[in-house]
Amino acid sequence: MASITWTPGPLAWAAGFAAADLNSLANVTQKTSSLASPQIDNSGAAPDMFVQFEVVLASLTPVAAGNVLVVCVPLASDGGSVSSTDGTGTGNQVPWQNYPHAAIALRTGAGAQVQQSPPISLPPGQYRLALINRAGVALAASGNMVSWRKYSEAVG
């Protein structure tokens, strides 16, 4: 009988945003990573099946049911632009429902937070990350970061 096991990629977390990208991000606004594209390259000969996110937020007081949405936005056919977004603000946000994404719930109460998503399915391709703040408050002026790592499964 075959068994299915996890096959992690590098166990270290990779940065998804530059240090200042998420500073003071207002509620219900979006920021696309300013790092060189792609943040996640899942286009190799044996692409990984899953991605997981870790969100580190400096002190804030989210509303009940507040969350941040991390979106894997596929690169456009020219390999450099990001599909369907102007990168920031409340207008023209990425159609996140169409792309791999994770809504990461935040605890209520004041303080810094470190939260992780479960692994989500990641099709082959190249992706740039976007974050939509739905915490109910602006993010802190510094100390916010999103990191990622990939996984696969092996059948043996």
C-alpha atoms as a PDB file:
ATOM      1  CA  MET A   1       0.000   0.000   0.000  1.00  0.00           C
ATOM      2  CA  ALA A   2       1.354   3.435  -0.925  1.00  0.00           C
ATOM      3  CA  SER A   3       1.638   6.214   1.611  1.00  0.00           C
ATOM      4  CA  ILE A   4       1.488   9.975   1.137  1.00  0.00           C
ATOM      5  CA  THR A   5       4.093  12.091   2.892  1.00  0.00           C
ATOM      6  CA  TRP A   6       4.912  15.809   3.007  1.00  0.00           C
ATOM      7  CA  THR A   7       7.916  16.901   0.994  1.00  0.00           C
ATOM      8  CA  PRO A   8       8.814  20.382   2.222  1.00  0.00           C
ATOM      9  CA  GLY A   9      10.795  22.798   0.155  1.00  0.00           C
ATOM     10  CA  PRO A  10      13.324  24.892   2.063  1.00  0.00           C
ATOM     11  CA  LEU A  11      12.160  25.042   5.665  1.00  0.00           C
ATOM     12  CA  ALA A  12      13.247  28.675   6.013  1.00  0.00           C
ATOM     13  CA  TRP A  13      10.642  31.356   5.363  1.00  0.00           C
ATOM     14  CA  ALA A  14      11.227  33.647   2.345  1.00  0.00           C
ATOM     15  CA  ALA A  15      10.290  37.338   2.457  1.00  0.00           C
ATOM     16  CA  GLY A  16       7.195  38.213   0.464  1.00  0.00           C
ATOM     17  CA  PHE A  17       7.393  41.998   0.888  1.00  0.00           C
ATOM     18  CA  ALA A  18      10.077  44.636   1.356  1.00  0.00           C
ATOM     19  CA  ALA A  19      10.456  45.865   4.946  1.00  0.00           C
ATOM     20  CA  ALA A  20       8.536  49.124   4.388  1.00  0.00           C
ATOM     21  CA  ASP A  21       5.811  47.828   2.015  1.00  0.00           C
ATOM     22  CA  LEU A  22       3.128  47.321   4.663  1.00  0.00           C
ATOM     23  CA  ASN A  23       3.906  50.330   6.872  1.00  0.00           C
ATOM     24  CA  SER A  24       0.723  52.201   7.891  1.00  0.00           C
ATOM     25  CA  LEU A  25      -1.407  50.317   5.348  1.00  0.00           C
ATOM     26  CA  ALA A  26      -4.936  51.654   5.851  1.00  0.00           C
ATOM     27  CA  ASN A  27      -7.906  49.386   6.464  1.00  0.00           C
ATOM     28  CA  VAL A  28      -9.558  47.998   3.301  1.00  0.00           C
ATOM     29  CA  THR A  29      -6.567  48.872   1.144  1.00  0.00           C
ATOM     30  CA  GLN A  30      -4.139  46.728  -0.752  1.00  0.00           C
ATOM     31  CA  LYS A  31      -0.410  46.688  -1.318  1.00  0.00           C
ATOM     32  CA  THR A  32       1.427  44.677  -3.945  1.00  0.00           C
ATOM     33  CA  SER A  33       4.957  43.636  -3.006  1.00  0.00           C
ATOM     34  CA  SER A  34       7.698  45.963  -4.226  1.00  0.00           C
ATOM     35  CA  LEU A  35      10.229  43.117  -4.380  1.00  0.00           C
ATOM     36  CA  ALA A  36      11.412  42.069  -7.823  1.00  0.00           C
ATOM     37  CA  SER A  37       9.004  39.652  -9.493  1.00  0.00           C
ATOM     38  CA  PRO A  38       8.295  36.871  -8.991  1.00  0.00           C
ATOM     39  CA  GLN A  39       8.164  36.490  -5.240  1.00  0.00           C
ATOM     40  CA  ILE A  40       7.086  32.881  -5.697  1.00  0.00           C
ATOM     41  CA  ASP A  41       8.445  30.978  -8.694  1.00  0.00           C
ATOM     42  CA  ASN A  42       6.546  27.731  -8.966  1.00  0.00           C
ATOM     43  CA  SER A  43       7.331  27.113 -12.644  1.00  0.00           C
ATOM     44  CA  GLY A  44      10.122  24.529 -12.402  1.00  0.00           C
ATOM     45  CA  ALA A  45      10.042  20.962 -13.698  1.00  0.00           C
ATOM     46  CA  ALA A  46       8.515  19.716 -10.429  1.00  0.00           C
ATOM     47  CA  PRO A  47       6.431  22.593  -9.013  1.00  0.00           C
ATOM     48  CA  ASP A  48       5.315  22.449  -5.410  1.00  0.00           C
ATOM     49  CA  MET A  49       1.652  21.820  -4.633  1.00  0.00           C
ATOM     50  CA  PHE A  50       1.139  24.101  -1.627  1.00  0.00           C
ATOM     51  CA  VAL A  51       2.234  27.441  -0.179  1.00  0.00           C
ATOM     52  CA  GLN A  52       1.918  28.618   3.425  1.00  0.00           C
ATOM     53  CA  PHE A  53       2.131  32.207   4.717  1.00  0.00           C
ATOM     54  CA  GLU A  54       3.298  33.721   7.965  1.00  0.00           C
ATOM     55  CA  VAL A  55       2.126  37.233   8.840  1.00  0.00           C
ATOM     56  CA  VAL A  56       3.990  39.267  11.463  1.00  0.00           C
ATOM     57  CA  LEU A  57       2.161  42.445  12.472  1.00  0.00           C
ATOM     58  CA  ALA A  58       3.439  45.025  14.908  1.00  0.00           C
ATOM     59  CA  SER A  59       1.093  46.310  17.579  1.00  0.00           C
ATOM     60  CA  LEU A  60      -2.508  46.822  16.460  1.00  0.00           C
ATOM     61  CA  THR A  61      -6.028  46.269  17.794  1.00  0.00           C
ATOM     62  CA  PRO A  62      -8.047  44.432  15.111  1.00  0.00           C
ATOM     63  CA  VAL A  63     -11.826  44.427  15.095  1.00  0.00           C
ATOM     64  CA  ALA A  64     -13.761  41.202  15.697  1.00  0.00           C
ATOM     65  CA  ALA A  65     -13.363  38.927  12.658  1.00  0.00           C
ATOM     66  CA  GLY A  66     -10.509  41.130  11.370  1.00  0.00           C
ATOM     67  CA  ASN A  67      -8.078  39.505   8.980  1.00  0.00           C
ATOM     68  CA  VAL A  68      -5.494  40.094   6.316  1.00  0.00           C
ATOM     69  CA  LEU A  69      -5.809  38.512   2.899  1.00  0.00           C
ATOM     70  CA  VAL A  70      -2.610  37.334   1.207  1.00  0.00           C
ATOM     71  CA  VAL A  71      -3.051  36.842  -2.538  1.00  0.00           C
ATOM     72  CA  CYS A  72      -0.763  35.097  -5.049  1.00  0.00           C
ATOM     73  CA  VAL A  73      -1.271  37.252  -8.146  1.00  0.00           C
ATOM     74  CA  PRO A  74      -0.064  35.493 -11.312  1.00  0.00           C
ATOM     75  CA  LEU A  75       2.345  37.403 -13.502  1.00  0.00           C
ATOM     76  CA  ALA A  76       0.925  38.473 -16.860  1.00  0.00           C
ATOM     77  CA  SER A  77       2.091  36.886 -20.109  1.00  0.00           C
ATOM     78  CA  ASP A  78       4.900  39.446 -20.487  1.00  0.00           C
ATOM     79  CA  GLY A  79       6.429  38.007 -17.294  1.00  0.00           C
ATOM     80  CA  GLY A  80       6.760  41.376 -15.612  1.00  0.00           C
ATOM     81  CA  SER A  81       3.381  42.947 -15.004  1.00  0.00           C
ATOM     82  CA  VAL A  82       0.898  41.907 -12.421  1.00  0.00           C
ATOM     83  CA  SER A  83      -2.530  40.881 -13.627  1.00  0.00           C
ATOM     84  CA  SER A  84      -5.457  43.170 -12.888  1.00  0.00           C
ATOM     85  CA  THR A  85      -4.125  45.562 -10.254  1.00  0.00           C
ATOM     86  CA  ASP A  86      -2.647  48.997  -9.826  1.00  0.00           C
ATOM     87  CA  GLY A  87      -0.717  47.702  -6.815  1.00  0.00           C
ATOM     88  CA  THR A  88      -2.092  49.816  -4.008  1.00  0.00           C
ATOM     89  CA  GLY A  89      -5.115  51.611  -2.624  1.00  0.00           C
ATOM     90  CA  THR A  90      -8.802  50.812  -2.569  1.00  0.00           C
ATOM     91  CA  GLY A  91      -9.609  51.136  -6.277  1.00  0.00           C
ATOM     92  CA  ASN A  92      -8.819  48.374  -8.760  1.00  0.00           C
ATOM     93  CA  GLN A  93      -7.907  45.755  -6.167  1.00  0.00           C
ATOM     94  CA  VAL A  94      -6.865  42.354  -7.411  1.00  0.00           C
ATOM     95  CA  PRO A  95      -9.811  40.042  -8.076  1.00  0.00           C
ATOM     96  CA  TRP A  96      -8.509  37.898  -5.220  1.00  0.00           C
ATOM     97  CA  GLN A  97     -11.283  35.327  -5.531  1.00  0.00           C
ATOM     98  CA  ASN A  98      -9.736  34.256  -8.865  1.00  0.00           C
ATOM     99  CA  TYR A  99      -6.246  33.612  -7.467  1.00  0.00           C
ATOM    100  CA  PRO A 100      -4.685  31.427  -4.774  1.00  0.00           C
ATOM    101  CA  HIS A 101      -5.205  33.268  -1.485  1.00  0.00           C
ATOM    102  CA  ALA A 102      -5.330  32.870   2.280  1.00  0.00           C
ATOM    103  CA  ALA A 103      -7.463  34.876   4.696  1.00  0.00           C
ATOM    104  CA  ILE A 104      -5.460  34.960   7.919  1.00  0.00           C
ATOM    105  CA  ALA A 105      -7.613  35.615  10.984  1.00  0.00           C
ATOM    106  CA  LEU A 106      -6.319  38.027  13.611  1.00  0.00           C
ATOM    107  CA  ARG A 107      -6.901  37.854  17.374  1.00  0.00           C
ATOM    108  CA  THR A 108      -8.846  40.676  18.907  1.00  0.00           C
ATOM    109  CA  GLY A 109      -7.109  42.754  21.562  1.00  0.00           C
ATOM    110  CA  ALA A 110      -4.092  45.031  21.398  1.00  0.00           C
ATOM    111  CA  GLY A 111      -0.639  43.686  20.657  1.00  0.00           C
ATOM    112  CA  ALA A 112       1.719  42.303  18.069  1.00  0.00           C
ATOM    113  CA  GLN A 113       0.665  39.181  16.191  1.00  0.00           C
ATOM    114  CA  VAL A 114       2.311  36.274  14.416  1.00  0.00           C
ATOM    115  CA  GLN A 115      -0.220  34.172  12.503  1.00  0.00           C
ATOM    116  CA  GLN A 116       0.175  31.401   9.927  1.00  0.00           C
ATOM    117  CA  SER A 117      -2.123  30.175   7.198  1.00  0.00           C
ATOM    118  CA  PRO A 118      -2.739  26.536   6.474  1.00  0.00           C
ATOM    119  CA  PRO A 119      -1.088  25.346   3.263  1.00  0.00           C
ATOM    120  CA  ILE A 120      -3.118  26.414   0.215  1.00  0.00           C
ATOM    121  CA  SER A 121      -3.054  24.895  -3.256  1.00  0.00           C
ATOM    122  CA  LEU A 122      -0.606  26.620  -5.633  1.00  0.00           C
ATOM    123  CA  PRO A 123      -0.794  25.866  -9.376  1.00  0.00           C
ATOM    124  CA  PRO A 124       2.407  25.995 -11.444  1.00  0.00           C
ATOM    125  CA  GLY A 125       3.379  29.545 -12.434  1.00  0.00           C
ATOM    126  CA  GLN A 126       5.046  32.704 -11.215  1.00  0.00           C
ATOM    127  CA  TYR A 127       3.395  34.942  -8.633  1.00  0.00           C
ATOM    128  CA  ARG A 128       3.698  38.338  -7.027  1.00  0.00           C
ATOM    129  CA  LEU A 129       2.180  38.787  -3.582  1.00  0.00           C
ATOM    130  CA  ALA A 130      -0.495  41.284  -2.607  1.00  0.00           C
ATOM    131  CA  LEU A 131      -1.938  41.926   0.837  1.00  0.00           C
ATOM    132  CA  ILE A 132      -5.387  43.353   1.528  1.00  0.00           C
ATOM    133  CA  ASN A 133      -5.790  44.766   5.030  1.00  0.00           C
ATOM    134  CA  ARG A 134      -9.170  43.816   6.478  1.00  0.00           C
ATOM    135  CA  ALA A 135      -8.159  44.195  10.137  1.00  0.00           C
ATOM    136  CA  GLY A 136     -10.539  47.109  10.735  1.00  0.00           C
ATOM    137  CA  VAL A 137      -7.588  49.405  11.543  1.00  0.00           C
ATOM    138  CA  ALA A 138      -4.432  50.589   9.814  1.00  0.00           C
ATOM    139  CA  LEU A 139      -1.298  48.494  10.207  1.00  0.00           C
ATOM    140  CA  ALA A 140       1.505  49.859  12.379  1.00  0.00           C
ATOM    141  CA  ALA A 141       4.058  52.305  10.948  1.00  0.00           C
ATOM    142  CA  SER A 142       6.778  49.609  10.948  1.00  0.00           C
ATOM    143  CA  GLY A 143       7.439  46.002  11.887  1.00  0.00           C
ATOM    144  CA  ASN A 144       4.996  44.244   9.520  1.00  0.00           C
ATOM    145  CA  MET A 145       6.041  41.347   7.288  1.00  0.00           C
ATOM    146  CA  VAL A 146       4.634  38.476   5.242  1.00  0.00           C
ATOM    147  CA  SER A 147       6.794  35.419   4.548  1.00  0.00           C
ATOM    148  CA  TRP A 148       6.096  32.210   2.641  1.00  0.00           C
ATOM    149  CA  ARG A 149       7.300  28.637   2.122  1.00  0.00           C
ATOM    150  CA  LYS A 150       6.251  25.856  -0.276  1.00  0.00           C
ATOM    151  CA  TYR A 151       5.441  22.157   0.172  1.00  0.00           C
ATOM    152  CA  SER A 152       4.593  19.129  -1.910  1.00  0.00           C
ATOM    153  CA  GLU A 153       3.436  15.593  -1.362  1.00  0.00           C
ATOM    154  CA  ALA A 154       5.239  12.399  -2.241  1.00  0.00           C
ATOM    155  CA  VAL A 155       3.537   9.074  -2.823  1.00  0.00           C
ATOM    156  CA  GLY A 156       5.656   6.057  -2.073  1.00  0.00           C
END
